[in-house]
Amino acid sequence: MQRFLTTLKFTDQGIQHIKDTCRRTDAFKEAARQMGARVRDIYWTLGSFDGIAIIDAPDEETATAVMLYVGSKGSVQTQTCRAYTATEIQDVLAKLPE
């Protein structure tokens, strides 16, 4: 599984229905599971972003589908990046020419 970090920012719709955020999160986790991904954790945050999600997916296509799904619901905007473990980045660095 590949790991992805996603920042979340509430839309006007999302903040207007803030009391539903935990229910929406549960639905998001279930939808991701049905697509073959796993939402490891979601944190609500202060500052530039309203939340951060940590997602495991088998590939970038699945992660993209998960993010398109959550974005299509209209409550959050996302920015997603691939996260590498130390072992994974060592494999990447091994490909660099001397």
PDB file of N, CA and C in Angstrom:
ATOM      1  N   MET A   1       0.841  -1.189   0.000  1.00  0.00           N
ATOM      2  CA  MET A   1       0.000   0.000   0.000  1.00  0.00           C
ATOM      3  C   MET A   1       0.881   1.245   0.000  1.00  0.00           C
ATOM      4  N   GLN A   2       0.438   2.228  -0.708  1.00  0.00           N
ATOM      5  CA  GLN A   2       1.098   3.521  -0.713  1.00  0.00           C
ATOM      6  C   GLN A   2       0.363   4.438   0.257  1.00  0.00           C
ATOM      7  N   ARG A   3       1.099   5.365   0.853  1.00  0.00           N
ATOM      8  CA  ARG A   3       0.497   6.292   1.810  1.00  0.00           C
ATOM      9  C   ARG A   3       0.366   7.672   1.169  1.00  0.00           C
ATOM     10  N   PHE A   4      -0.756   8.316   1.474  1.00  0.00           N
ATOM     11  CA  PHE A   4      -1.032   9.655   0.958  1.00  0.00           C
ATOM     12  C   PHE A   4      -1.467  10.545   2.117  1.00  0.00           C
ATOM     13  N   LEU A   5      -0.983  11.776   2.113  1.00  0.00           N
ATOM     14  CA  LEU A   5      -1.373  12.789   3.095  1.00  0.00           C
ATOM     15  C   LEU A   5      -2.230  13.812   2.366  1.00  0.00           C
ATOM     16  N   THR A   6      -3.356  14.126   2.945  1.00  0.00           N
ATOM     17  CA  THR A   6      -4.288  15.050   2.318  1.00  0.00           C
ATOM     18  C   THR A   6      -4.644  16.157   3.289  1.00  0.00           C
ATOM     19  N   THR A   7      -4.493  17.386   2.832  1.00  0.00           N
ATOM     20  CA  THR A   7      -4.978  18.504   3.633  1.00  0.00           C
ATOM     21  C   THR A   7      -6.418  18.782   3.223  1.00  0.00           C
ATOM     22  N   LEU A   8      -7.210  19.169   4.203  1.00  0.00           N
ATOM     23  CA  LEU A   8      -8.632  19.419   3.993  1.00  0.00           C
ATOM     24  C   LEU A   8      -8.962  20.852   4.384  1.00  0.00           C
ATOM     25  N   LYS A   9      -9.776  21.493   3.575  1.00  0.00           N
ATOM     26  CA  LYS A   9     -10.245  22.839   3.877  1.00  0.00           C
ATOM     27  C   LYS A   9     -11.753  22.848   3.663  1.00  0.00           C
ATOM     28  N   PHE A  10     -12.491  23.259   4.700  1.00  0.00           N
ATOM     29  CA  PHE A  10     -13.945  23.284   4.583  1.00  0.00           C
ATOM     30  C   PHE A  10     -14.391  24.287   3.521  1.00  0.00           C
ATOM     31  N   THR A  11     -15.372  23.892   2.747  1.00  0.00           N
ATOM     32  CA  THR A  11     -16.050  24.820   1.841  1.00  0.00           C
ATOM     33  C   THR A  11     -17.119  25.547   2.655  1.00  0.00           C
ATOM     34  N   ASP A  12     -17.798  26.491   2.023  1.00  0.00           N
ATOM     35  CA  ASP A  12     -18.914  27.163   2.704  1.00  0.00           C
ATOM     36  C   ASP A  12     -19.954  26.130   3.145  1.00  0.00           C
ATOM     37  N   GLN A  13     -20.234  25.167   2.276  1.00  0.00           N
ATOM     38  CA  GLN A  13     -21.188  24.108   2.620  1.00  0.00           C
ATOM     39  C   GLN A  13     -20.710  23.300   3.816  1.00  0.00           C
ATOM     40  N   GLY A  14     -19.435  22.964   3.832  1.00  0.00           N
ATOM     41  CA  GLY A  14     -18.886  22.169   4.921  1.00  0.00           C
ATOM     42  C   GLY A  14     -18.958  22.873   6.264  1.00  0.00           C
ATOM     43  N   ILE A  15     -18.653  24.156   6.274  1.00  0.00           N
ATOM     44  CA  ILE A  15     -18.671  24.892   7.539  1.00  0.00           C
ATOM     45  C   ILE A  15     -20.112  25.166   7.984  1.00  0.00           C
ATOM     46  N   GLN A  16     -21.032  25.339   7.024  1.00  0.00           N
ATOM     47  CA  GLN A  16     -22.437  25.552   7.390  1.00  0.00           C
ATOM     48  C   GLN A  16     -23.030  24.311   8.066  1.00  0.00           C
ATOM     49  N   HIS A  17     -22.488  23.157   7.721  1.00  0.00           N
ATOM     50  CA  HIS A  17     -22.980  21.889   8.287  1.00  0.00           C
ATOM     51  C   HIS A  17     -21.896  21.222   9.124  1.00  0.00           C
ATOM     52  N   ILE A  18     -21.157  22.026   9.882  1.00  0.00           N
ATOM     53  CA  ILE A  18     -20.020  21.533  10.648  1.00  0.00           C
ATOM     54  C   ILE A  18     -20.410  20.451  11.654  1.00  0.00           C
ATOM     55  N   LYS A  19     -21.613  20.525  12.183  1.00  0.00           N
ATOM     56  CA  LYS A  19     -22.024  19.519  13.176  1.00  0.00           C
ATOM     57  C   LYS A  19     -22.122  18.116  12.584  1.00  0.00           C
ATOM     58  N   ASP A  20     -22.130  18.012  11.256  1.00  0.00           N
ATOM     59  CA  ASP A  20     -22.187  16.714  10.584  1.00  0.00           C
ATOM     60  C   ASP A  20     -20.801  16.177  10.226  1.00  0.00           C
ATOM     61  N   THR A  21     -19.747  16.871  10.623  1.00  0.00           N
ATOM     62  CA  THR A  21     -18.408  16.501  10.159  1.00  0.00           C
ATOM     63  C   THR A  21     -18.009  15.079  10.552  1.00  0.00           C
ATOM     64  N   CYS A  22     -18.351  14.626  11.730  1.00  0.00           N
ATOM     65  CA  CYS A  22     -17.988  13.257  12.136  1.00  0.00           C
ATOM     66  C   CYS A  22     -18.788  12.221  11.350  1.00  0.00           C
ATOM     67  N   ARG A  23     -20.045  12.504  11.104  1.00  0.00           N
ATOM     68  CA  ARG A  23     -20.867  11.599  10.299  1.00  0.00           C
ATOM     69  C   ARG A  23     -20.321  11.526   8.873  1.00  0.00           C
ATOM     70  N   ARG A  24     -19.938  12.679   8.314  1.00  0.00           N
ATOM     71  CA  ARG A  24     -19.361  12.696   6.959  1.00  0.00           C
ATOM     72  C   ARG A  24     -18.049  11.924   6.921  1.00  0.00           C
ATOM     73  N   THR A  25     -17.273  12.040   7.992  1.00  0.00           N
ATOM     74  CA  THR A  25     -16.002  11.311   8.064  1.00  0.00           C
ATOM     75  C   THR A  25     -16.233   9.807   8.058  1.00  0.00           C
ATOM     76  N   ASP A  26     -17.206   9.346   8.802  1.00  0.00           N
ATOM     77  CA  ASP A  26     -17.524   7.912   8.810  1.00  0.00           C
ATOM     78  C   ASP A  26     -17.936   7.432   7.419  1.00  0.00           C
ATOM     79  N   ALA A  27     -18.737   8.218   6.728  1.00  0.00           N
ATOM     80  CA  ALA A  27     -19.169   7.855   5.373  1.00  0.00           C
ATOM     81  C   ALA A  27     -17.977   7.842   4.419  1.00  0.00           C
ATOM     82  N   PHE A  28     -17.066   8.797   4.588  1.00  0.00           N
ATOM     83  CA  PHE A  28     -15.861   8.861   3.772  1.00  0.00           C
ATOM     84  C   PHE A  28     -14.996   7.627   3.984  1.00  0.00           C
ATOM     85  N   LYS A  29     -14.809   7.232   5.232  1.00  0.00           N
ATOM     86  CA  LYS A  29     -14.011   6.040   5.534  1.00  0.00           C
ATOM     87  C   LYS A  29     -14.613   4.796   4.879  1.00  0.00           C
ATOM     88  N   GLU A  30     -15.921   4.667   4.939  1.00  0.00           N
ATOM     89  CA  GLU A  30     -16.586   3.505   4.349  1.00  0.00           C
ATOM     90  C   GLU A  30     -16.464   3.517   2.821  1.00  0.00           C
ATOM     91  N   ALA A  31     -16.645   4.673   2.206  1.00  0.00           N
ATOM     92  CA  ALA A  31     -16.511   4.767   0.752  1.00  0.00           C
ATOM     93  C   ALA A  31     -15.086   4.431   0.320  1.00  0.00           C
ATOM     94  N   ALA A  32     -14.094   4.927   1.052  1.00  0.00           N
ATOM     95  CA  ALA A  32     -12.696   4.620   0.730  1.00  0.00           C
ATOM     96  C   ALA A  32     -12.452   3.122   0.832  1.00  0.00           C
ATOM     97  N   ARG A  33     -13.006   2.498   1.872  1.00  0.00           N
ATOM     98  CA  ARG A  33     -12.851   1.048   2.045  1.00  0.00           C
ATOM     99  C   ARG A  33     -13.441   0.304   0.855  1.00  0.00           C
ATOM    100  N   GLN A  34     -14.602   0.736   0.405  1.00  0.00           N
ATOM    101  CA  GLN A  34     -15.241   0.090  -0.742  1.00  0.00           C
ATOM    102  C   GLN A  34     -14.419   0.242  -2.014  1.00  0.00           C
ATOM    103  N   MET A  35     -13.617   1.299  -2.098  1.00  0.00           N
ATOM    104  CA  MET A  35     -12.758   1.515  -3.268  1.00  0.00           C
ATOM    105  C   MET A  35     -11.401   0.831  -3.127  1.00  0.00           C
ATOM    106  N   GLY A  36     -11.167   0.176  -1.995  1.00  0.00           N
ATOM    107  CA  GLY A  36      -9.914  -0.542  -1.798  1.00  0.00           C
ATOM    108  C   GLY A  36      -8.844   0.236  -1.063  1.00  0.00           C
ATOM    109  N   ALA A  37      -9.224   1.358  -0.461  1.00  0.00           N
ATOM    110  CA  ALA A  37      -8.283   2.188   0.301  1.00  0.00           C
ATOM    111  C   ALA A  37      -8.656   2.141   1.783  1.00  0.00           C
ATOM    112  N   ARG A  38      -7.779   2.690   2.597  1.00  0.00           N
ATOM    113  CA  ARG A  38      -8.033   2.746   4.037  1.00  0.00           C
ATOM    114  C   ARG A  38      -7.698   4.146   4.549  1.00  0.00           C
ATOM    115  N   VAL A  39      -8.653   4.760   5.205  1.00  0.00           N
ATOM    116  CA  VAL A  39      -8.391   6.036   5.869  1.00  0.00           C
ATOM    117  C   VAL A  39      -7.823   5.687   7.238  1.00  0.00           C
ATOM    118  N   ARG A  40      -6.524   5.884   7.397  1.00  0.00           N
ATOM    119  CA  ARG A  40      -5.850   5.536   8.651  1.00  0.00           C
ATOM    120  C   ARG A  40      -6.276   6.460   9.778  1.00  0.00           C
ATOM    121  N   ASP A  41      -6.304   7.751   9.482  1.00  0.00           N
ATOM    122  CA  ASP A  41      -6.652   8.747  10.493  1.00  0.00           C
ATOM    123  C   ASP A  41      -7.114  10.019   9.832  1.00  0.00           C
ATOM    124  N   ILE A  42      -7.931  10.744  10.539  1.00  0.00           N
ATOM    125  CA  ILE A  42      -8.310  12.104  10.158  1.00  0.00           C
ATOM    126  C   ILE A  42      -8.160  12.963  11.400  1.00  0.00           C
ATOM    127  N   TYR A  43      -7.521  14.107  11.220  1.00  0.00           N
ATOM    128  CA  TYR A  43      -7.334  15.066  12.314  1.00  0.00           C
ATOM    129  C   TYR A  43      -7.968  16.385  11.911  1.00  0.00           C
ATOM    130  N   TRP A  44      -8.699  16.982  12.820  1.00  0.00           N
ATOM    131  CA  TRP A  44      -9.212  18.332  12.634  1.00  0.00           C
ATOM    132  C   TRP A  44      -8.130  19.253  13.186  1.00  0.00           C
ATOM    133  N   THR A  45      -7.796  20.303  12.436  1.00  0.00           N
ATOM    134  CA  THR A  45      -6.650  21.130  12.798  1.00  0.00           C
ATOM    135  C   THR A  45      -7.011  22.614  12.836  1.00  0.00           C
ATOM    136  N   LEU A  46      -6.144  23.370  13.447  1.00  0.00           N
ATOM    137  CA  LEU A  46      -6.230  24.828  13.457  1.00  0.00           C
ATOM    138  C   LEU A  46      -5.155  25.360  12.520  1.00  0.00           C
ATOM    139  N   GLY A  47      -5.370  26.534  11.964  1.00  0.00           N
ATOM    140  CA  GLY A  47      -4.351  27.128  11.106  1.00  0.00           C
ATOM    141  C   GLY A  47      -4.807  27.182   9.658  1.00  0.00           C
ATOM    142  N   SER A  48      -3.866  26.996   8.751  1.00  0.00           N
ATOM    143  CA  SER A  48      -4.143  27.139   7.319  1.00  0.00           C
ATOM    144  C   SER A  48      -5.117  26.098   6.779  1.00  0.00           C
ATOM    145  N   PHE A  49      -5.154  24.932   7.414  1.00  0.00           N
ATOM    146  CA  PHE A  49      -6.036  23.862   6.961  1.00  0.00           C
ATOM    147  C   PHE A  49      -6.977  23.471   8.090  1.00  0.00           C
ATOM    148  N   ASP A  50      -8.118  22.929   7.722  1.00  0.00           N
ATOM    149  CA  ASP A  50      -9.113  22.515   8.716  1.00  0.00           C
ATOM    150  C   ASP A  50      -8.947  21.061   9.124  1.00  0.00           C
ATOM    151  N   GLY A  51      -8.164  20.317   8.352  1.00  0.00           N
ATOM    152  CA  GLY A  51      -7.950  18.919   8.691  1.00  0.00           C
ATOM    153  C   GLY A  51      -6.871  18.283   7.856  1.00  0.00           C
ATOM    154  N   ILE A  52      -6.463  17.108   8.299  1.00  0.00           N
ATOM    155  CA  ILE A  52      -5.480  16.300   7.589  1.00  0.00           C
ATOM    156  C   ILE A  52      -5.971  14.854   7.623  1.00  0.00           C
ATOM    157  N   ALA A  53      -5.914  14.193   6.478  1.00  0.00           N
ATOM    158  CA  ALA A  53      -6.273  12.779   6.398  1.00  0.00           C
ATOM    159  C   ALA A  53      -5.047  11.986   5.974  1.00  0.00           C
ATOM    160  N   ILE A  54      -4.876  10.827   6.555  1.00  0.00           N
ATOM    161  CA  ILE A  54      -3.809   9.901   6.190  1.00  0.00           C
ATOM    162  C   ILE A  54      -4.483   8.680   5.589  1.00  0.00           C
ATOM    163  N   ILE A  55      -4.144   8.409   4.335  1.00  0.00           N
ATOM    164  CA  ILE A  55      -4.847   7.383   3.572  1.00  0.00           C
ATOM    165  C   ILE A  55      -3.847   6.397   2.983  1.00  0.00           C
ATOM    166  N   ASP A  56      -4.159   5.122   3.074  1.00  0.00           N
ATOM    167  CA  ASP A  56      -3.394   4.075   2.403  1.00  0.00           C
ATOM    168  C   ASP A  56      -4.214   3.598   1.220  1.00  0.00           C
ATOM    169  N   ALA A  57      -3.574   3.514   0.063  1.00  0.00           N
ATOM    170  CA  ALA A  57      -4.243   3.038  -1.149  1.00  0.00           C
ATOM    171  C   ALA A  57      -3.256   2.174  -1.934  1.00  0.00           C
ATOM    172  N   PRO A  58      -3.760   1.222  -2.707  1.00  0.00           N
ATOM    173  CA  PRO A  58      -2.865   0.343  -3.446  1.00  0.00           C
ATOM    174  C   PRO A  58      -2.105   1.042  -4.565  1.00  0.00           C
ATOM    175  N   ASP A  59      -2.635   2.171  -5.054  1.00  0.00           N
ATOM    176  CA  ASP A  59      -1.987   2.883  -6.157  1.00  0.00           C
ATOM    177  C   ASP A  59      -2.532   4.305  -6.228  1.00  0.00           C
ATOM    178  N   GLU A  60      -1.906   5.109  -7.094  1.00  0.00           N
ATOM    179  CA  GLU A  60      -2.319   6.508  -7.222  1.00  0.00           C
ATOM    180  C   GLU A  60      -3.714   6.648  -7.821  1.00  0.00           C
ATOM    181  N   GLU A  61      -4.101   5.720  -8.687  1.00  0.00           N
ATOM    182  CA  GLU A  61      -5.432   5.791  -9.286  1.00  0.00           C
ATOM    183  C   GLU A  61      -6.514   5.636  -8.218  1.00  0.00           C
ATOM    184  N   THR A  62      -6.308   4.706  -7.305  1.00  0.00           N
ATOM    185  CA  THR A  62      -7.287   4.512  -6.227  1.00  0.00           C
ATOM    186  C   THR A  62      -7.332   5.734  -5.317  1.00  0.00           C
ATOM    187  N   ALA A  63      -6.164   6.251  -4.970  1.00  0.00           N
ATOM    188  CA  ALA A  63      -6.119   7.453  -4.128  1.00  0.00           C
ATOM    189  C   ALA A  63      -6.825   8.620  -4.820  1.00  0.00           C
ATOM    190  N   THR A  64      -6.629   8.745  -6.115  1.00  0.00           N
ATOM    191  CA  THR A  64      -7.291   9.810  -6.870  1.00  0.00           C
ATOM    192  C   THR A  64      -8.804   9.631  -6.833  1.00  0.00           C
ATOM    193  N   ALA A  65      -9.273   8.400  -7.013  1.00  0.00           N
ATOM    194  CA  ALA A  65     -10.713   8.133  -6.957  1.00  0.00           C
ATOM    195  C   ALA A  65     -11.280   8.508  -5.591  1.00  0.00           C
ATOM    196  N   VAL A  66     -10.553   8.171  -4.537  1.00  0.00           N
ATOM    197  CA  VAL A  66     -11.001   8.502  -3.177  1.00  0.00           C
ATOM    198  C   VAL A  66     -11.107  10.016  -3.008  1.00  0.00           C
ATOM    199  N   MET A  67     -10.104  10.748  -3.479  1.00  0.00           N
ATOM    200  CA  MET A  67     -10.125  12.206  -3.337  1.00  0.00           C
ATOM    201  C   MET A  67     -11.196  12.848  -4.215  1.00  0.00           C
ATOM    202  N   LEU A  68     -11.408  12.312  -5.412  1.00  0.00           N
ATOM    203  CA  LEU A  68     -12.488  12.827  -6.257  1.00  0.00           C
ATOM    204  C   LEU A  68     -13.840  12.596  -5.597  1.00  0.00           C
ATOM    205  N   TYR A  69     -13.995  11.439  -4.967  1.00  0.00           N
ATOM    206  CA  TYR A  69     -15.240  11.133  -4.270  1.00  0.00           C
ATOM    207  C   TYR A  69     -15.506  12.149  -3.157  1.00  0.00           C
ATOM    208  N   VAL A  70     -14.518  12.344  -2.287  1.00  0.00           N
ATOM    209  CA  VAL A  70     -14.749  13.245  -1.153  1.00  0.00           C
ATOM    210  C   VAL A  70     -14.961  14.680  -1.638  1.00  0.00           C
ATOM    211  N   GLY A  71     -14.223  15.093  -2.663  1.00  0.00           N
ATOM    212  CA  GLY A  71     -14.408  16.433  -3.203  1.00  0.00           C
ATOM    213  C   GLY A  71     -15.774  16.624  -3.836  1.00  0.00           C
ATOM    214  N   SER A  72     -16.295  15.568  -4.449  1.00  0.00           N
ATOM    215  CA  SER A  72     -17.597  15.665  -5.126  1.00  0.00           C
ATOM    216  C   SER A  72     -18.755  15.869  -4.152  1.00  0.00           C
ATOM    217  N   LYS A  73     -18.535  15.593  -2.886  1.00  0.00           N
ATOM    218  CA  LYS A  73     -19.587  15.759  -1.881  1.00  0.00           C
ATOM    219  C   LYS A  73     -19.777  17.223  -1.495  1.00  0.00           C
ATOM    220  N   GLY A  74     -18.785  18.073  -1.793  1.00  0.00           N
ATOM    221  CA  GLY A  74     -18.952  19.513  -1.633  1.00  0.00           C
ATOM    222  C   GLY A  74     -18.613  20.116  -0.289  1.00  0.00           C
ATOM    223  N   SER A  75     -18.176  19.319   0.678  1.00  0.00           N
ATOM    224  CA  SER A  75     -17.910  19.876   2.009  1.00  0.00           C
ATOM    225  C   SER A  75     -16.465  20.268   2.244  1.00  0.00           C
ATOM    226  N   VAL A  76     -15.545  19.676   1.467  1.00  0.00           N
ATOM    227  CA  VAL A  76     -14.122  20.000   1.633  1.00  0.00           C
ATOM    228  C   VAL A  76     -13.436  20.106   0.276  1.00  0.00           C
ATOM    229  N   GLN A  77     -12.357  20.877   0.277  1.00  0.00           N
ATOM    230  CA  GLN A  77     -11.414  20.895  -0.834  1.00  0.00           C
ATOM    231  C   GLN A  77     -10.159  20.201  -0.327  1.00  0.00           C
ATOM    232  N   THR A  78      -9.483  19.480  -1.204  1.00  0.00           N
ATOM    233  CA  THR A  78      -8.332  18.693  -0.768  1.00  0.00           C
ATOM    234  C   THR A  78      -7.089  19.030  -1.577  1.00  0.00           C
ATOM    235  N   GLN A  79      -5.953  18.759  -0.957  1.00  0.00           N
ATOM    236  CA  GLN A  79      -4.651  18.731  -1.630  1.00  0.00           C
ATOM    237  C   GLN A  79      -3.953  17.484  -1.121  1.00  0.00           C
ATOM    238  N   THR A  80      -3.498  16.654  -2.035  1.00  0.00           N
ATOM    239  CA  THR A  80      -2.964  15.352  -1.661  1.00  0.00           C
ATOM    240  C   THR A  80      -1.541  15.193  -2.164  1.00  0.00           C
ATOM    241  N   CYS A  81      -0.709  14.568  -1.345  1.00  0.00           N
ATOM    242  CA  CYS A  81       0.648  14.249  -1.771  1.00  0.00           C
ATOM    243  C   CYS A  81       0.986  12.821  -1.348  1.00  0.00           C
ATOM    244  N   ARG A  82       1.887  12.220  -2.075  1.00  0.00           N
ATOM    245  CA  ARG A  82       2.365  10.869  -1.779  1.00  0.00           C
ATOM    246  C   ARG A  82       3.387  10.988  -0.663  1.00  0.00           C
ATOM    247  N   ALA A  83       3.296  10.125   0.319  1.00  0.00           N
ATOM    248  CA  ALA A  83       4.254  10.101   1.435  1.00  0.00           C
ATOM    249  C   ALA A  83       5.085   8.824   1.332  1.00  0.00           C
ATOM    250  N   TYR A  84       6.378   8.945   1.577  1.00  0.00           N
ATOM    251  CA  TYR A  84       7.298   7.813   1.492  1.00  0.00           C
ATOM    252  C   TYR A  84       7.879   7.490   2.864  1.00  0.00           C
ATOM    253  N   THR A  85       7.975   6.216   3.175  1.00  0.00           N
ATOM    254  CA  THR A  85       8.676   5.792   4.385  1.00  0.00           C
ATOM    255  C   THR A  85      10.176   5.870   4.111  1.00  0.00           C
ATOM    256  N   ALA A  86      10.979   5.706   5.152  1.00  0.00           N
ATOM    257  CA  ALA A  86      12.435   5.722   4.971  1.00  0.00           C
ATOM    258  C   ALA A  86      12.866   4.619   4.005  1.00  0.00           C
ATOM    259  N   THR A  87      12.291   3.448   4.126  1.00  0.00           N
ATOM    260  CA  THR A  87      12.635   2.339   3.226  1.00  0.00           C
ATOM    261  C   THR A  87      12.265   2.670   1.789  1.00  0.00           C
ATOM    262  N   GLU A  88      11.079   3.245   1.590  1.00  0.00           N
ATOM    263  CA  GLU A  88      10.637   3.589   0.235  1.00  0.00           C
ATOM    264  C   GLU A  88      11.528   4.658  -0.393  1.00  0.00           C
ATOM    265  N   ILE A  89      11.912   5.660   0.383  1.00  0.00           N
ATOM    266  CA  ILE A  89      12.747   6.715  -0.193  1.00  0.00           C
ATOM    267  C   ILE A  89      14.153   6.195  -0.480  1.00  0.00           C
ATOM    268  N   GLN A  90      14.624   5.224   0.304  1.00  0.00           N
ATOM    269  CA  GLN A  90      15.923   4.599   0.003  1.00  0.00           C
ATOM    270  C   GLN A  90      15.882   3.926  -1.371  1.00  0.00           C
ATOM    271  N   ASP A  91      14.776   3.256  -1.687  1.00  0.00           N
ATOM    272  CA  ASP A  91      14.623   2.629  -2.997  1.00  0.00           C
ATOM    273  C   ASP A  91      14.636   3.675  -4.109  1.00  0.00           C
ATOM    274  N   VAL A  92      14.008   4.818  -3.865  1.00  0.00           N
ATOM    275  CA  VAL A  92      14.011   5.901  -4.847  1.00  0.00           C
ATOM    276  C   VAL A  92      15.429   6.433  -5.015  1.00  0.00           C
ATOM    277  N   LEU A  93      16.105   6.683  -3.913  1.00  0.00           N
ATOM    278  CA  LEU A  93      17.460   7.232  -3.979  1.00  0.00           C
ATOM    279  C   LEU A  93      18.436   6.270  -4.647  1.00  0.00           C
ATOM    280  N   ALA A  94      18.202   4.984  -4.525  1.00  0.00           N
ATOM    281  CA  ALA A  94      19.069   4.002  -5.164  1.00  0.00           C
ATOM    282  C   ALA A  94      19.033   4.099  -6.689  1.00  0.00           C
ATOM    283  N   LYS A  95      18.003   4.717  -7.230  1.00  0.00           N
ATOM    284  CA  LYS A  95      17.886   4.861  -8.682  1.00  0.00           C
ATOM    285  C   LYS A  95      18.681   6.045  -9.229  1.00  0.00           C
ATOM    286  N   LEU A  96      19.155   6.920  -8.351  1.00  0.00           N
ATOM    287  CA  LEU A  96      19.906   8.094  -8.793  1.00  0.00           C
ATOM    288  C   LEU A  96      21.281   7.680  -9.308  1.00  0.00           C
ATOM    289  N   PRO A  97      21.722   8.296 -10.410  1.00  0.00           N
ATOM    290  CA  PRO A  97      23.059   7.968 -10.910  1.00  0.00           C
ATOM    291  C   PRO A  97      24.139   8.516  -9.971  1.00  0.00           C
ATOM    292  N   GLU A  98      25.265   7.886  -9.999  1.00  0.00           N
ATOM    293  CA  GLU A  98      26.401   8.342  -9.161  1.00  0.00           C
ATOM    294  C   GLU A  98      26.960   9.643  -9.655  1.00  0.00           C
TER     295      GLU A  98
END
